[in-house]
Amino acid sequence: MSITTLAPNTALVVIDLPKGIATLPTDATTDARAEARAGSIANVFPRLGETGTTRDINAKLEAHR
């Protein structure tokens, strides 16, 4: 079984938040197998919260300042 990884503890923090509160950075993830990474981005991450690029996340943070 392959596990797509995020920065340490990112997934754990997201799991504890209500859906829609956190955005998972799709361009800051990795996996040893490209198809496993793609599967996680398409099927797992949307169940944990919204997804977006690091640029998307930074833009949202700037908009809320």
C-alpha atoms as a PDB file:
ATOM      1  CA  MET A   1       0.000   0.000   0.000  1.00  0.00           C
ATOM      2  CA  SER A   2       1.318   3.406  -0.926  1.00  0.00           C
ATOM      3  CA  ILE A   3       0.642   6.497   1.180  1.00  0.00           C
ATOM      4  CA  THR A   4       0.696   9.985  -0.256  1.00  0.00           C
ATOM      5  CA  THR A   5       2.477  12.288   2.160  1.00  0.00           C
ATOM      6  CA  LEU A   6       1.878  15.889   3.111  1.00  0.00           C
ATOM      7  CA  ALA A   7       3.999  18.102   5.296  1.00  0.00           C
ATOM      8  CA  PRO A   8       4.247  16.530   8.772  1.00  0.00           C
ATOM      9  CA  ASN A   9       0.923  16.511  10.604  1.00  0.00           C
ATOM     10  CA  THR A  10      -0.999  18.350   7.838  1.00  0.00           C
ATOM     11  CA  ALA A  11      -3.417  15.503   7.267  1.00  0.00           C
ATOM     12  CA  LEU A  12      -3.914  15.024  11.000  1.00  0.00           C
ATOM     13  CA  VAL A  13      -4.826  18.682  11.466  1.00  0.00           C
ATOM     14  CA  VAL A  14      -7.205  18.615   8.508  1.00  0.00           C
ATOM     15  CA  ILE A  15      -8.997  15.523   9.804  1.00  0.00           C
ATOM     16  CA  ASP A  16      -9.827  17.370  13.030  1.00  0.00           C
ATOM     17  CA  LEU A  17     -11.322  20.388  11.253  1.00  0.00           C
ATOM     18  CA  PRO A  18     -14.828  20.662   9.788  1.00  0.00           C
ATOM     19  CA  LYS A  19     -14.932  20.122   6.007  1.00  0.00           C
ATOM     20  CA  GLY A  20     -14.323  23.348   4.129  1.00  0.00           C
ATOM     21  CA  ILE A  21     -12.102  24.892   6.788  1.00  0.00           C
ATOM     22  CA  ALA A  22      -8.817  23.587   5.392  1.00  0.00           C
ATOM     23  CA  THR A  23      -7.357  23.479   1.903  1.00  0.00           C
ATOM     24  CA  LEU A  24      -4.948  20.654   1.120  1.00  0.00           C
ATOM     25  CA  PRO A  25      -2.056  21.771  -1.103  1.00  0.00           C
ATOM     26  CA  THR A  26      -2.104  19.446  -4.102  1.00  0.00           C
ATOM     27  CA  ASP A  27       1.211  20.764  -5.401  1.00  0.00           C
ATOM     28  CA  ALA A  28       2.953  20.091  -2.074  1.00  0.00           C
ATOM     29  CA  THR A  29       2.309  16.363  -1.901  1.00  0.00           C
ATOM     30  CA  THR A  30       4.398  13.441  -2.993  1.00  0.00           C
ATOM     31  CA  ASP A  31       4.244   9.691  -3.333  1.00  0.00           C
ATOM     32  CA  ALA A  32       6.636   7.066  -4.601  1.00  0.00           C
ATOM     33  CA  ARG A  33       4.029   6.124  -7.211  1.00  0.00           C
ATOM     34  CA  ALA A  34       2.520   8.849  -9.405  1.00  0.00           C
ATOM     35  CA  GLU A  35      -0.759   6.939  -9.792  1.00  0.00           C
ATOM     36  CA  ALA A  36      -1.146   6.671  -6.010  1.00  0.00           C
ATOM     37  CA  ARG A  37      -0.606  10.419  -5.633  1.00  0.00           C
ATOM     38  CA  ALA A  38      -3.163  11.135  -8.345  1.00  0.00           C
ATOM     39  CA  GLY A  39      -5.626   8.777  -6.678  1.00  0.00           C
ATOM     40  CA  SER A  40      -5.199  10.483  -3.314  1.00  0.00           C
ATOM     41  CA  ILE A  41      -5.703  13.931  -4.825  1.00  0.00           C
ATOM     42  CA  ALA A  42      -8.785  12.816  -6.753  1.00  0.00           C
ATOM     43  CA  ASN A  43     -10.418  10.555  -4.160  1.00  0.00           C
ATOM     44  CA  VAL A  44      -9.069  11.027  -0.643  1.00  0.00           C
ATOM     45  CA  PHE A  45      -8.217  14.693  -0.214  1.00  0.00           C
ATOM     46  CA  PRO A  46     -11.669  15.965  -1.279  1.00  0.00           C
ATOM     47  CA  ARG A  47     -13.170  13.918   1.564  1.00  0.00           C
ATOM     48  CA  LEU A  48     -10.923  15.663   4.085  1.00  0.00           C
ATOM     49  CA  GLY A  49     -11.403  19.227   2.862  1.00  0.00           C
ATOM     50  CA  GLU A  50     -11.044  21.362  -0.201  1.00  0.00           C
ATOM     51  CA  THR A  51      -7.990  21.110  -2.426  1.00  0.00           C
ATOM     52  CA  GLY A  52      -5.930  23.773  -4.148  1.00  0.00           C
ATOM     53  CA  THR A  53      -2.429  24.793  -5.039  1.00  0.00           C
ATOM     54  CA  THR A  54      -0.077  26.586  -2.696  1.00  0.00           C
ATOM     55  CA  ARG A  55      -0.736  29.743  -4.713  1.00  0.00           C
ATOM     56  CA  ASP A  56      -4.516  29.305  -4.193  1.00  0.00           C
ATOM     57  CA  ILE A  57      -4.012  28.902  -0.456  1.00  0.00           C
ATOM     58  CA  ASN A  58      -1.756  31.958  -0.218  1.00  0.00           C
ATOM     59  CA  ALA A  59      -4.308  34.030  -2.147  1.00  0.00           C
ATOM     60  CA  LYS A  60      -7.062  32.986   0.283  1.00  0.00           C
ATOM     61  CA  LEU A  61      -4.893  33.868   3.248  1.00  0.00           C
ATOM     62  CA  GLU A  62      -4.074  37.279   1.780  1.00  0.00           C
ATOM     63  CA  ALA A  63      -7.776  37.939   1.095  1.00  0.00           C
ATOM     64  CA  HIS A  64      -8.597  37.333   4.771  1.00  0.00           C
ATOM     65  CA  ARG A  65      -6.011  39.746   6.167  1.00  0.00           C
END
